[in-house]
Structures are given as C-alpha cells and as structure tokens.
PDB file of N, CA and C in Angstrom:
ATOM      1  N   UNK A   1      34.975 -56.808   5.752  1.00  0.00           N
ATOM      2  CA  UNK A   1      34.861 -56.884   7.206  1.00  0.00           C
ATOM      3  C   UNK A   1      33.636 -57.731   7.551  1.00  0.00           C
ATOM      4  N   UNK A   2      33.799 -58.610   8.505  1.00  0.00           N
ATOM      5  CA  UNK A   2      32.694 -59.475   8.905  1.00  0.00           C
ATOM      6  C   UNK A   2      31.619 -58.671   9.629  1.00  0.00           C
ATOM      7  N   UNK A   3      30.420 -59.205   9.642  1.00  0.00           N
ATOM      8  CA  UNK A   3      29.292 -58.548  10.317  1.00  0.00           C
ATOM      9  C   UNK A   3      29.595 -58.352  11.806  1.00  0.00           C
ATOM     10  N   UNK A   4      30.189 -59.356  12.416  1.00  0.00           N
ATOM     11  CA  UNK A   4      30.526 -59.293  13.834  1.00  0.00           C
ATOM     12  C   UNK A   4      31.516 -58.153  14.099  1.00  0.00           C
ATOM     13  N   UNK A   5      32.499 -58.026  13.227  1.00  0.00           N
ATOM     14  CA  UNK A   5      33.509 -56.967  13.374  1.00  0.00           C
ATOM     15  C   UNK A   5      32.886 -55.589  13.124  1.00  0.00           C
ATOM     16  N   UNK A   6      31.959 -55.498  12.178  1.00  0.00           N
ATOM     17  CA  UNK A   6      31.271 -54.233  11.905  1.00  0.00           C
ATOM     18  C   UNK A   6      30.473 -53.777  13.123  1.00  0.00           C
ATOM     19  N   UNK A   7      29.768 -54.706  13.760  1.00  0.00           N
ATOM     20  CA  UNK A   7      28.984 -54.384  14.951  1.00  0.00           C
ATOM     21  C   UNK A   7      29.906 -53.918  16.070  1.00  0.00           C
ATOM     22  N   UNK A   8      31.022 -54.613  16.264  1.00  0.00           N
ATOM     23  CA  UNK A   8      31.987 -54.236  17.298  1.00  0.00           C
ATOM     24  C   UNK A   8      32.554 -52.855  17.007  1.00  0.00           C
ATOM     25  N   UNK A   9      32.876 -52.595  15.756  1.00  0.00           N
ATOM     26  CA  UNK A   9      33.422 -51.304  15.364  1.00  0.00           C
ATOM     27  C   UNK A   9      32.418 -50.177  15.625  1.00  0.00           C
ATOM     28  N   UNK A  10      31.153 -50.430  15.297  1.00  0.00           N
ATOM     29  CA  UNK A  10      30.108 -49.430  15.536  1.00  0.00           C
ATOM     30  C   UNK A  10      29.929 -49.187  17.032  1.00  0.00           C
ATOM     31  N   UNK A  11      29.987 -50.235  17.826  1.00  0.00           N
ATOM     32  CA  UNK A  11      29.868 -50.092  19.273  1.00  0.00           C
ATOM     33  C   UNK A  11      31.015 -49.252  19.832  1.00  0.00           C
ATOM     34  N   UNK A  12      32.228 -49.501  19.360  1.00  0.00           N
ATOM     35  CA  UNK A  12      33.376 -48.706  19.814  1.00  0.00           C
ATOM     36  C   UNK A  12      33.177 -47.222  19.489  1.00  0.00           C
ATOM     37  N   UNK A  13      32.657 -46.945  18.311  1.00  0.00           N
ATOM     38  CA  UNK A  13      32.396 -45.555  17.920  1.00  0.00           C
ATOM     39  C   UNK A  13      31.323 -44.924  18.807  1.00  0.00           C
ATOM     40  N   UNK A  14      30.268 -45.677  19.090  1.00  0.00           N
ATOM     41  CA  UNK A  14      29.182 -45.156  19.918  1.00  0.00           C
ATOM     42  C   UNK A  14      29.655 -44.900  21.346  1.00  0.00           C
ATOM     43  N   UNK A  15      30.415 -45.830  21.901  1.00  0.00           N
ATOM     44  CA  UNK A  15      30.927 -45.668  23.260  1.00  0.00           C
ATOM     45  C   UNK A  15      31.901 -44.491  23.297  1.00  0.00           C
ATOM     46  N   UNK A  16      32.782 -44.419  22.318  1.00  0.00           N
ATOM     47  CA  UNK A  16      33.736 -43.309  22.261  1.00  0.00           C
ATOM     48  C   UNK A  16      33.033 -41.967  22.152  1.00  0.00           C
ATOM     49  N   UNK A  17      32.001 -41.907  21.334  1.00  0.00           N
ATOM     50  CA  UNK A  17      31.231 -40.677  21.177  1.00  0.00           C
ATOM     51  C   UNK A  17      30.544 -40.290  22.480  1.00  0.00           C
ATOM     52  N   UNK A  18      30.030 -41.290  23.178  1.00  0.00           N
ATOM     53  CA  UNK A  18      29.358 -41.027  24.462  1.00  0.00           C
ATOM     54  C   UNK A  18      30.355 -40.508  25.500  1.00  0.00           C
ATOM     55  N   UNK A  19      31.540 -41.091  25.534  1.00  0.00           N
ATOM     56  CA  UNK A  19      32.580 -40.620  26.454  1.00  0.00           C
ATOM     57  C   UNK A  19      32.940 -39.169  26.133  1.00  0.00           C
ATOM     58  N   UNK A  20      33.078 -38.863  24.865  1.00  0.00           N
ATOM     59  CA  UNK A  20      33.396 -37.488  24.461  1.00  0.00           C
ATOM     60  C   UNK A  20      32.283 -36.536  24.884  1.00  0.00           C
ATOM     61  N   UNK A  21      31.032 -36.938  24.668  1.00  0.00           N
ATOM     62  CA  UNK A  21      29.896 -36.105  25.068  1.00  0.00           C
ATOM     63  C   UNK A  21      29.910 -35.838  26.570  1.00  0.00           C
ATOM     64  N   UNK A  22      30.139 -36.890  27.353  1.00  0.00           N
ATOM     65  CA  UNK A  22      30.190 -36.725  28.813  1.00  0.00           C
ATOM     66  C   UNK A  22      31.361 -35.842  29.225  1.00  0.00           C
ATOM     67  N   UNK A  23      32.496 -36.008  28.559  1.00  0.00           N
ATOM     68  CA  UNK A  23      33.672 -35.170  28.856  1.00  0.00           C
ATOM     69  C   UNK A  23      33.365 -33.704  28.606  1.00  0.00           C
ATOM     70  N   UNK A  24      32.747 -33.432  27.472  1.00  0.00           N
ATOM     71  CA  UNK A  24      32.420 -32.045  27.132  1.00  0.00           C
ATOM     72  C   UNK A  24      31.380 -31.472  28.086  1.00  0.00           C
ATOM     73  N   UNK A  25      30.427 -32.292  28.501  1.00  0.00           N
ATOM     74  CA  UNK A  25      29.427 -31.836  29.472  1.00  0.00           C
ATOM     75  C   UNK A  25      30.079 -31.449  30.797  1.00  0.00           C
ATOM     76  N   UNK A  26      31.146 -32.151  31.159  1.00  0.00           N
ATOM     77  CA  UNK A  26      31.879 -31.838  32.390  1.00  0.00           C
ATOM     78  C   UNK A  26      32.809 -30.634  32.196  1.00  0.00           C
ATOM     79  N   UNK A  27      33.016 -30.231  30.956  1.00  0.00           N
ATOM     80  CA  UNK A  27      33.911 -29.119  30.673  1.00  0.00           C
ATOM     81  C   UNK A  27      35.381 -29.498  30.711  1.00  0.00           C
ATOM     82  N   UNK A  28      35.663 -30.800  30.532  1.00  0.00           N
ATOM     83  CA  UNK A  28      37.037 -31.279  30.567  1.00  0.00           C
ATOM     84  C   UNK A  28      37.637 -31.261  29.163  1.00  0.00           C
ATOM     85  N   UNK A  29      38.902 -30.906  29.075  1.00  0.00           N
ATOM     86  CA  UNK A  29      39.650 -31.114  27.839  1.00  0.00           C
ATOM     87  C   UNK A  29      40.057 -32.579  27.792  1.00  0.00           C
ATOM     88  N   UNK A  30      40.529 -33.023  26.642  1.00  0.00           N
ATOM     89  CA  UNK A  30      41.027 -34.400  26.568  1.00  0.00           C
ATOM     90  C   UNK A  30      42.201 -34.584  27.524  1.00  0.00           C
ATOM     91  N   UNK A  31      43.043 -33.574  27.613  1.00  0.00           N
ATOM     92  CA  UNK A  31      44.208 -33.658  28.497  1.00  0.00           C
ATOM     93  C   UNK A  31      43.777 -33.830  29.954  1.00  0.00           C
ATOM     94  N   UNK A  32      42.758 -33.068  30.365  1.00  0.00           N
ATOM     95  CA  UNK A  32      42.302 -33.155  31.751  1.00  0.00           C
ATOM     96  C   UNK A  32      41.691 -34.516  32.053  1.00  0.00           C
ATOM     97  N   UNK A  33      40.843 -35.019  31.147  1.00  0.00           N
ATOM     98  CA  UNK A  33      40.243 -36.329  31.382  1.00  0.00           C
ATOM     99  C   UNK A  33      41.311 -37.419  31.349  1.00  0.00           C
ATOM    100  N   UNK A  34      42.262 -37.298  30.448  1.00  0.00           N
ATOM    101  CA  UNK A  34      43.352 -38.285  30.392  1.00  0.00           C
ATOM    102  C   UNK A  34      44.101 -38.306  31.720  1.00  0.00           C
ATOM    103  N   UNK A  35      44.422 -37.137  32.236  1.00  0.00           N
ATOM    104  CA  UNK A  35      45.130 -37.045  33.519  1.00  0.00           C
ATOM    105  C   UNK A  35      44.294 -37.660  34.648  1.00  0.00           C
ATOM    106  N   UNK A  36      43.013 -37.277  34.720  1.00  0.00           N
ATOM    107  CA  UNK A  36      42.140 -37.763  35.792  1.00  0.00           C
ATOM    108  C   UNK A  36      41.930 -39.279  35.734  1.00  0.00           C
ATOM    109  N   UNK A  37      41.992 -39.850  34.531  1.00  0.00           N
ATOM    110  CA  UNK A  37      41.742 -41.287  34.388  1.00  0.00           C
ATOM    111  C   UNK A  37      43.022 -42.103  34.292  1.00  0.00           C
ATOM    112  N   UNK A  38      44.166 -41.434  34.320  1.00  0.00           N
ATOM    113  CA  UNK A  38      45.443 -42.144  34.271  1.00  0.00           C
ATOM    114  C   UNK A  38      45.804 -42.671  32.892  1.00  0.00           C
ATOM    115  N   UNK A  39      45.242 -42.063  31.865  1.00  0.00           N
ATOM    116  CA  UNK A  39      45.529 -42.482  30.491  1.00  0.00           C
ATOM    117  C   UNK A  39      46.434 -41.473  29.801  1.00  0.00           C
ATOM    118  N   UNK A  40      47.079 -41.910  28.747  1.00  0.00           N
ATOM    119  CA  UNK A  40      47.796 -40.982  27.882  1.00  0.00           C
ATOM    120  C   UNK A  40      46.752 -40.308  26.999  1.00  0.00           C
ATOM    121  N   UNK A  41      46.954 -39.048  26.680  1.00  0.00           N
ATOM    122  CA  UNK A  41      45.964 -38.312  25.889  1.00  0.00           C
ATOM    123  C   UNK A  41      45.736 -38.962  24.524  1.00  0.00           C
ATOM    124  N   UNK A  42      46.770 -39.564  23.953  1.00  0.00           N
ATOM    125  CA  UNK A  42      46.616 -40.259  22.669  1.00  0.00           C
ATOM    126  C   UNK A  42      45.672 -41.444  22.806  1.00  0.00           C
ATOM    127  N   UNK A  43      45.782 -42.164  23.905  1.00  0.00           N
ATOM    128  CA  UNK A  43      44.892 -43.305  24.152  1.00  0.00           C
ATOM    129  C   UNK A  43      43.456 -42.833  24.280  1.00  0.00           C
ATOM    130  N   UNK A  44      43.247 -41.756  25.037  1.00  0.00           N
ATOM    131  CA  UNK A  44      41.896 -41.219  25.190  1.00  0.00           C
ATOM    132  C   UNK A  44      41.342 -40.769  23.846  1.00  0.00           C
ATOM    133  N   UNK A  45      42.151 -40.130  23.042  1.00  0.00           N
ATOM    134  CA  UNK A  45      41.723 -39.694  21.713  1.00  0.00           C
ATOM    135  C   UNK A  45      41.281 -40.884  20.866  1.00  0.00           C
ATOM    136  N   UNK A  46      42.038 -41.978  20.931  1.00  0.00           N
ATOM    137  CA  UNK A  46      41.679 -43.187  20.184  1.00  0.00           C
ATOM    138  C   UNK A  46      40.385 -43.800  20.712  1.00  0.00           C
ATOM    139  N   UNK A  47      40.189 -43.751  22.020  1.00  0.00           N
ATOM    140  CA  UNK A  47      38.940 -44.254  22.613  1.00  0.00           C
ATOM    141  C   UNK A  47      37.765 -43.426  22.101  1.00  0.00           C
ATOM    142  N   UNK A  48      37.883 -42.098  22.185  1.00  0.00           N
ATOM    143  CA  UNK A  48      36.783 -41.219  21.770  1.00  0.00           C
ATOM    144  C   UNK A  48      36.459 -41.335  20.286  1.00  0.00           C
ATOM    145  N   UNK A  49      37.446 -41.655  19.476  1.00  0.00           N
ATOM    146  CA  UNK A  49      37.200 -41.776  18.035  1.00  0.00           C
ATOM    147  C   UNK A  49      36.780 -43.191  17.639  1.00  0.00           C
ATOM    148  N   UNK A  50      36.710 -44.108  18.620  1.00  0.00           N
ATOM    149  CA  UNK A  50      36.279 -45.474  18.341  1.00  0.00           C
ATOM    150  C   UNK A  50      37.356 -46.339  17.728  1.00  0.00           C
ATOM    151  N   UNK A  51      38.613 -45.916  17.835  1.00  0.00           N
ATOM    152  CA  UNK A  51      39.725 -46.666  17.246  1.00  0.00           C
ATOM    153  C   UNK A  51      40.402 -47.600  18.236  1.00  0.00           C
ATOM    154  N   UNK A  52      40.033 -47.505  19.505  1.00  0.00           N
ATOM    155  CA  UNK A  52      40.681 -48.315  20.533  1.00  0.00           C
ATOM    156  C   UNK A  52      39.655 -49.194  21.242  1.00  0.00           C
ATOM    157  N   UNK A  53      39.982 -50.453  21.356  1.00  0.00           N
ATOM    158  CA  UNK A  53      39.151 -51.395  22.098  1.00  0.00           C
ATOM    159  C   UNK A  53      39.675 -51.428  23.528  1.00  0.00           C
ATOM    160  N   UNK A  54      39.102 -50.609  24.374  1.00  0.00           N
ATOM    161  CA  UNK A  54      39.635 -50.449  25.727  1.00  0.00           C
ATOM    162  C   UNK A  54      39.241 -51.592  26.648  1.00  0.00           C
ATOM    163  N   UNK A  55      40.016 -51.757  27.699  1.00  0.00           N
ATOM    164  CA  UNK A  55      39.738 -52.776  28.694  1.00  0.00           C
ATOM    165  C   UNK A  55      38.661 -52.283  29.652  1.00  0.00           C
ATOM    166  N   UNK A  56      38.133 -53.200  30.437  1.00  0.00           N
ATOM    167  CA  UNK A  56      37.153 -52.811  31.458  1.00  0.00           C
ATOM    168  C   UNK A  56      37.778 -51.895  32.500  1.00  0.00           C
ATOM    169  N   UNK A  57      39.046 -52.110  32.804  1.00  0.00           N
ATOM    170  CA  UNK A  57      39.737 -51.247  33.766  1.00  0.00           C
ATOM    171  C   UNK A  57      39.817 -49.825  33.226  1.00  0.00           C
ATOM    172  N   UNK A  58      40.109 -49.691  31.948  1.00  0.00           N
ATOM    173  CA  UNK A  58      40.142 -48.362  31.328  1.00  0.00           C
ATOM    174  C   UNK A  58      38.761 -47.730  31.379  1.00  0.00           C
ATOM    175  N   UNK A  59      37.729 -48.510  31.066  1.00  0.00           N
ATOM    176  CA  UNK A  59      36.346 -48.010  31.159  1.00  0.00           C
ATOM    177  C   UNK A  59      36.053 -47.511  32.571  1.00  0.00           C
ATOM    178  N   UNK A  60      36.435 -48.293  33.549  1.00  0.00           N
ATOM    179  CA  UNK A  60      36.189 -47.919  34.936  1.00  0.00           C
ATOM    180  C   UNK A  60      36.946 -46.650  35.308  1.00  0.00           C
ATOM    181  N   UNK A  61      38.188 -46.534  34.881  1.00  0.00           N
ATOM    182  CA  UNK A  61      38.974 -45.333  35.182  1.00  0.00           C
ATOM    183  C   UNK A  61      38.347 -44.085  34.556  1.00  0.00           C
ATOM    184  N   UNK A  62      37.894 -44.203  33.326  1.00  0.00           N
ATOM    185  CA  UNK A  62      37.252 -43.063  32.657  1.00  0.00           C
ATOM    186  C   UNK A  62      35.933 -42.739  33.349  1.00  0.00           C
ATOM    187  N   UNK A  63      35.152 -43.759  33.657  1.00  0.00           N
ATOM    188  CA  UNK A  63      33.863 -43.546  34.335  1.00  0.00           C
ATOM    189  C   UNK A  63      34.071 -42.846  35.674  1.00  0.00           C
ATOM    190  N   UNK A  64      35.052 -43.296  36.446  1.00  0.00           N
ATOM    191  CA  UNK A  64      35.336 -42.658  37.735  1.00  0.00           C
ATOM    192  C   UNK A  64      35.747 -41.202  37.546  1.00  0.00           C
ATOM    193  N   UNK A  65      36.572 -40.937  36.548  1.00  0.00           N
ATOM    194  CA  UNK A  65      37.017 -39.566  36.288  1.00  0.00           C
ATOM    195  C   UNK A  65      35.849 -38.670  35.885  1.00  0.00           C
ATOM    196  N   UNK A  66      34.865 -39.257  35.203  1.00  0.00           N
ATOM    197  CA  UNK A  66      33.687 -38.503  34.772  1.00  0.00           C
ATOM    198  C   UNK A  66      32.561 -38.536  35.812  1.00  0.00           C
ATOM    199  N   UNK A  67      32.806 -39.242  36.916  1.00  0.00           N
ATOM    200  CA  UNK A  67      31.818 -39.385  37.990  1.00  0.00           C
ATOM    201  C   UNK A  67      30.507 -39.956  37.457  1.00  0.00           C
ATOM    202  N   UNK A  68      30.633 -41.055  36.724  1.00  0.00           N
ATOM    203  CA  UNK A  68      29.473 -41.743  36.164  1.00  0.00           C
ATOM    204  C   UNK A  68      29.724 -43.246  36.247  1.00  0.00           C
ATOM    205  N   UNK A  69      28.775 -44.029  35.776  1.00  0.00           N
ATOM    206  CA  UNK A  69      28.952 -45.481  35.763  1.00  0.00           C
ATOM    207  C   UNK A  69      29.320 -45.927  34.356  1.00  0.00           C
ATOM    208  N   UNK A  70      29.940 -47.078  34.288  1.00  0.00           N
ATOM    209  CA  UNK A  70      30.312 -47.633  32.988  1.00  0.00           C
ATOM    210  C   UNK A  70      29.083 -47.815  32.104  1.00  0.00           C
ATOM    211  N   UNK A  71      27.966 -48.170  32.697  1.00  0.00           N
ATOM    212  CA  UNK A  71      26.754 -48.401  31.902  1.00  0.00           C
ATOM    213  C   UNK A  71      26.334 -47.152  31.124  1.00  0.00           C
ATOM    214  N   UNK A  72      26.721 -45.990  31.625  1.00  0.00           N
ATOM    215  CA  UNK A  72      26.402 -44.743  30.931  1.00  0.00           C
ATOM    216  C   UNK A  72      27.126 -44.574  29.608  1.00  0.00           C
ATOM    217  N   UNK A  73      28.137 -45.417  29.352  1.00  0.00           N
ATOM    218  CA  UNK A  73      28.890 -45.331  28.099  1.00  0.00           C
ATOM    219  C   UNK A  73      28.206 -46.065  26.951  1.00  0.00           C
ATOM    220  N   UNK A  74      27.332 -47.002  27.310  1.00  0.00           N
ATOM    221  CA  UNK A  74      26.780 -47.866  26.285  1.00  0.00           C
ATOM    222  C   UNK A  74      25.495 -47.289  25.719  1.00  0.00           C
ATOM    223  N   UNK A  75      25.358 -47.399  24.403  1.00  0.00           N
ATOM    224  CA  UNK A  75      24.249 -46.728  23.734  1.00  0.00           C
ATOM    225  C   UNK A  75      22.888 -47.255  24.150  1.00  0.00           C
ATOM    226  N   UNK A  76      22.038 -46.331  24.380  1.00  0.00           N
ATOM    227  CA  UNK A  76      20.624 -46.597  24.610  1.00  0.00           C
ATOM    228  C   UNK A  76      19.884 -45.700  23.637  1.00  0.00           C
ATOM    229  N   UNK A  77      18.691 -46.053  23.317  1.00  0.00           N
ATOM    230  CA  UNK A  77      17.932 -45.263  22.346  1.00  0.00           C
ATOM    231  C   UNK A  77      17.799 -43.814  22.802  1.00  0.00           C
ATOM    232  N   UNK A  78      17.578 -43.600  24.102  1.00  0.00           N
ATOM    233  CA  UNK A  78      17.405 -42.229  24.581  1.00  0.00           C
ATOM    234  C   UNK A  78      18.677 -41.423  24.432  1.00  0.00           C
ATOM    235  N   UNK A  79      19.821 -42.054  24.603  1.00  0.00           N
ATOM    236  CA  UNK A  79      21.092 -41.348  24.432  1.00  0.00           C
ATOM    237  C   UNK A  79      21.247 -40.931  22.982  1.00  0.00           C
ATOM    238  N   UNK A  80      20.944 -41.834  22.054  1.00  0.00           N
ATOM    239  CA  UNK A  80      21.028 -41.503  20.633  1.00  0.00           C
ATOM    240  C   UNK A  80      20.092 -40.351  20.302  1.00  0.00           C
ATOM    241  N   UNK A  81      18.883 -40.395  20.856  1.00  0.00           N
ATOM    242  CA  UNK A  81      17.917 -39.332  20.604  1.00  0.00           C
ATOM    243  C   UNK A  81      18.399 -38.012  21.189  1.00  0.00           C
ATOM    244  N   UNK A  82      18.969 -38.032  22.394  1.00  0.00           N
ATOM    245  CA  UNK A  82      19.490 -36.810  23.001  1.00  0.00           C
ATOM    246  C   UNK A  82      20.610 -36.213  22.167  1.00  0.00           C
ATOM    247  N   UNK A  83      21.505 -37.064  21.677  1.00  0.00           N
ATOM    248  CA  UNK A  83      22.607 -36.577  20.859  1.00  0.00           C
ATOM    249  C   UNK A  83      22.107 -36.003  19.540  1.00  0.00           C
ATOM    250  N   UNK A  84      21.119 -36.659  18.935  1.00  0.00           N
ATOM    251  CA  UNK A  84      20.537 -36.154  17.694  1.00  0.00           C
ATOM    252  C   UNK A  84      19.841 -34.822  17.941  1.00  0.00           C
ATOM    253  N   UNK A  85      19.108 -34.736  19.043  1.00  0.00           N
ATOM    254  CA  UNK A  85      18.441 -33.483  19.392  1.00  0.00           C
ATOM    255  C   UNK A  85      19.464 -32.370  19.589  1.00  0.00           C
ATOM    256  N   UNK A  86      20.559 -32.668  20.249  1.00  0.00           N
ATOM    257  CA  UNK A  86      21.613 -31.669  20.464  1.00  0.00           C
ATOM    258  C   UNK A  86      22.185 -31.184  19.139  1.00  0.00           C
ATOM    259  N   UNK A  87      22.397 -32.118  18.189  1.00  0.00           N
ATOM    260  CA  UNK A  87      22.918 -31.725  16.870  1.00  0.00           C
ATOM    261  C   UNK A  87      21.910 -30.836  16.137  1.00  0.00           C
ATOM    262  N   UNK A  88      20.621 -31.190  16.217  1.00  0.00           N
ATOM    263  CA  UNK A  88      19.599 -30.398  15.533  1.00  0.00           C
ATOM    264  C   UNK A  88      19.503 -29.001  16.141  1.00  0.00           C
ATOM    265  N   UNK A  89      19.519 -28.925  17.459  1.00  0.00           N
ATOM    266  CA  UNK A  89      19.444 -27.627  18.131  1.00  0.00           C
ATOM    267  C   UNK A  89      20.639 -26.764  17.764  1.00  0.00           C
ATOM    268  N   UNK A  90      21.821 -27.355  17.729  1.00  0.00           N
ATOM    269  CA  UNK A  90      23.023 -26.604  17.352  1.00  0.00           C
ATOM    270  C   UNK A  90      22.915 -26.097  15.921  1.00  0.00           C
ATOM    271  N   UNK A  91      22.387 -26.943  15.039  1.00  0.00           N
ATOM    272  CA  UNK A  91      22.220 -26.536  13.640  1.00  0.00           C
ATOM    273  C   UNK A  91      21.195 -25.411  13.527  1.00  0.00           C
ATOM    274  N   UNK A  92      20.089 -25.518  14.283  1.00  0.00           N
ATOM    275  CA  UNK A  92      19.057 -24.464  14.271  1.00  0.00           C
ATOM    276  C   UNK A  92      19.640 -23.154  14.797  1.00  0.00           C
ATOM    277  N   UNK A  93      20.419 -23.240  15.850  1.00  0.00           N
ATOM    278  CA  UNK A  93      21.020 -22.047  16.433  1.00  0.00           C
ATOM    279  C   UNK A  93      21.931 -21.364  15.417  1.00  0.00           C
ATOM    280  N   UNK A  94      22.722 -22.161  14.717  1.00  0.00           N
ATOM    281  CA  UNK A  94      23.634 -21.600  13.714  1.00  0.00           C
ATOM    282  C   UNK A  94      22.847 -20.906  12.610  1.00  0.00           C
ATOM    283  N   UNK A  95      21.797 -21.557  12.125  1.00  0.00           N
ATOM    284  CA  UNK A  95      20.972 -20.969  11.063  1.00  0.00           C
ATOM    285  C   UNK A  95      20.358 -19.657  11.544  1.00  0.00           C
ATOM    286  N   UNK A  96      19.838 -19.654  12.768  1.00  0.00           N
ATOM    287  CA  UNK A  96      19.212 -18.440  13.304  1.00  0.00           C
ATOM    288  C   UNK A  96      20.216 -17.307  13.444  1.00  0.00           C
ATOM    289  N   UNK A  97      21.382 -17.620  13.965  1.00  0.00           N
ATOM    290  CA  UNK A  97      22.394 -16.584  14.174  1.00  0.00           C
ATOM    291  C   UNK A  97      22.898 -15.994  12.865  1.00  0.00           C
ATOM    292  N   UNK A  98      22.880 -16.792  11.824  1.00  0.00           N
ATOM    293  CA  UNK A  98      23.382 -16.326  10.529  1.00  0.00           C
ATOM    294  C   UNK A  98      22.283 -15.723   9.655  1.00  0.00           C
ATOM    295  N   UNK A  99      21.058 -15.653  10.155  1.00  0.00           N
ATOM    296  CA  UNK A  99      19.929 -15.155   9.370  1.00  0.00           C
ATOM    297  C   UNK A  99      19.719 -13.665   9.587  1.00  0.00           C
ATOM    298  N   UNK A 100      18.951 -13.090   8.651  1.00  0.00           N
ATOM    299  CA  UNK A 100      18.591 -11.677   8.803  1.00  0.00           C
ATOM    300  C   UNK A 100      17.484 -11.547   9.854  1.00  0.00           C
ATOM    301  N   UNK A 101      17.186 -10.334  10.243  1.00  0.00           N
ATOM    302  CA  UNK A 101      16.231 -10.076  11.323  1.00  0.00           C
ATOM    303  C   UNK A 101      14.846 -10.648  11.022  1.00  0.00           C
ATOM    304  N   UNK A 102      14.388 -10.493   9.787  1.00  0.00           N
ATOM    305  CA  UNK A 102      13.062 -10.983   9.410  1.00  0.00           C
ATOM    306  C   UNK A 102      12.987 -12.506   9.549  1.00  0.00           C
ATOM    307  N   UNK A 103      14.008 -13.210   9.051  1.00  0.00           N
ATOM    308  CA  UNK A 103      14.017 -14.668   9.154  1.00  0.00           C
ATOM    309  C   UNK A 103      14.164 -15.123  10.607  1.00  0.00           C
ATOM    310  N   UNK A 104      14.929 -14.389  11.407  1.00  0.00           N
ATOM    311  CA  UNK A 104      15.061 -14.733  12.828  1.00  0.00           C
ATOM    312  C   UNK A 104      13.700 -14.697  13.512  1.00  0.00           C
ATOM    313  N   UNK A 105      12.894 -13.689  13.180  1.00  0.00           N
ATOM    314  CA  UNK A 105      11.555 -13.579  13.762  1.00  0.00           C
ATOM    315  C   UNK A 105      10.692 -14.760  13.327  1.00  0.00           C
ATOM    316  N   UNK A 106      10.821 -15.186  12.088  1.00  0.00           N
ATOM    317  CA  UNK A 106      10.069 -16.346  11.595  1.00  0.00           C
ATOM    318  C   UNK A 106      10.471 -17.616  12.346  1.00  0.00           C
ATOM    319  N   UNK A 107      11.779 -17.807  12.502  1.00  0.00           N
ATOM    320  CA  UNK A 107      12.265 -18.991  13.227  1.00  0.00           C
ATOM    321  C   UNK A 107      11.779 -18.976  14.670  1.00  0.00           C
ATOM    322  N   UNK A 108      11.811 -17.824  15.300  1.00  0.00           N
ATOM    323  CA  UNK A 108      11.360 -17.711  16.685  1.00  0.00           C
ATOM    324  C   UNK A 108       9.882 -18.063  16.797  1.00  0.00           C
ATOM    325  N   UNK A 109       9.074 -17.559  15.890  1.00  0.00           N
ATOM    326  CA  UNK A 109       7.640 -17.885  15.898  1.00  0.00           C
ATOM    327  C   UNK A 109       7.409 -19.380  15.663  1.00  0.00           C
ATOM    328  N   UNK A 110       8.172 -19.960  14.753  1.00  0.00           N
ATOM    329  CA  UNK A 110       8.046 -21.389  14.487  1.00  0.00           C
ATOM    330  C   UNK A 110       8.393 -22.197  15.742  1.00  0.00           C
ATOM    331  N   UNK A 111       9.491 -21.836  16.395  1.00  0.00           N
ATOM    332  CA  UNK A 111       9.896 -22.548  17.610  1.00  0.00           C
ATOM    333  C   UNK A 111       8.872 -22.382  18.731  1.00  0.00           C
ATOM    334  N   UNK A 112       8.311 -21.202  18.863  1.00  0.00           N
ATOM    335  CA  UNK A 112       7.267 -20.980  19.875  1.00  0.00           C
ATOM    336  C   UNK A 112       6.064 -21.861  19.589  1.00  0.00           C
ATOM    337  N   UNK A 113       5.667 -21.937  18.322  1.00  0.00           N
ATOM    338  CA  UNK A 113       4.529 -22.767  17.934  1.00  0.00           C
ATOM    339  C   UNK A 113       4.804 -24.241  18.238  1.00  0.00           C
ATOM    340  N   UNK A 114       6.009 -24.691  17.915  1.00  0.00           N
ATOM    341  CA  UNK A 114       6.363 -26.090  18.141  1.00  0.00           C
ATOM    342  C   UNK A 114       6.415 -26.449  19.620  1.00  0.00           C
ATOM    343  N   UNK A 115       6.780 -25.494  20.434  1.00  0.00           N
ATOM    344  CA  UNK A 115       6.981 -25.806  21.858  1.00  0.00           C
ATOM    345  C   UNK A 115       5.818 -25.391  22.744  1.00  0.00           C
ATOM    346  N   UNK A 116       4.807 -24.742  22.201  1.00  0.00           N
ATOM    347  CA  UNK A 116       3.628 -24.397  23.000  1.00  0.00           C
ATOM    348  C   UNK A 116       3.019 -25.658  23.594  1.00  0.00           C
ATOM    349  N   UNK A 117       2.744 -25.620  24.863  1.00  0.00           N
ATOM    350  CA  UNK A 117       2.141 -26.754  25.526  1.00  0.00           C
ATOM    351  C   UNK A 117       3.130 -27.697  26.175  1.00  0.00           C
ATOM    352  N   UNK A 118       4.422 -27.543  25.860  1.00  0.00           N
ATOM    353  CA  UNK A 118       5.438 -28.386  26.494  1.00  0.00           C
ATOM    354  C   UNK A 118       5.909 -27.721  27.763  1.00  0.00           C
ATOM    355  N   UNK A 119       6.080 -28.520  28.782  1.00  0.00           N
ATOM    356  CA  UNK A 119       6.621 -28.013  30.039  1.00  0.00           C
ATOM    357  C   UNK A 119       8.024 -28.515  30.163  1.00  0.00           C
ATOM    358  N   UNK A 120       8.920 -27.700  30.721  1.00  0.00           N
ATOM    359  CA  UNK A 120      10.308 -28.133  30.820  1.00  0.00           C
ATOM    360  C   UNK A 120      10.957 -27.698  32.065  1.00  0.00           C
TER     361      UNK A 120
END
C-alpha cells in the first residue's frame, strides 16, 4: 500500500472512530443515527469502522444528525488525548471493580494523590 493510501486509510479510521464516539455520547444506536442521517445502517457501520470513504454530503448529514459540525469529525491532538484518557479511565475502573477491598483502597488513595490540586 502506498504511503498516500495508508494516510487516507488512517484518516478514515480516525474520522469513523470520532463519529462513533460522538454517537455514543449522544446515546444513539447505529440504527438511530443511520435513520436520523438518512443512511443505511450498513453504510454507517462501514463509516465508523473506517471502511467507507464517505462523501461530504454524507459527512454533513451525519454531522447534522449529531448536532455538530463536520470539523468535529477530523482528528485533533486534543481529541486523541480525550479518547486515550477515556480508554485509560475505563481500564482503571475495570481494574478497581475487579479488585479486592484492600486493593480498591490503594487505588482510591493513588487517584486522590494524583488529582489533588486539580480543579474540575
């Protein structure tokens, strides 16, 4: 695969992942977003998995259905960082929930130490 095609493929995956993230944040199923954007659910699935090179009209329809702008689909460093943070938090939550009481207390103390001084 050429370098140009690899970059395009990676961009499709990033945009698809961002659309999926926004869909989940809205609480929409793929079926609901497909309906709201006028797409077939299979097409939306291909978009979210980075397998479909969608048109600008499709981008606009999805953006309107998600009540966002098309620019929100394209990767920015902060979006990548937010997604990575979300994955780490989910992983930490899973570890904590599956731990014994003593380890849960350790994790809680560690998190308190890490977040002391941060305002949110």
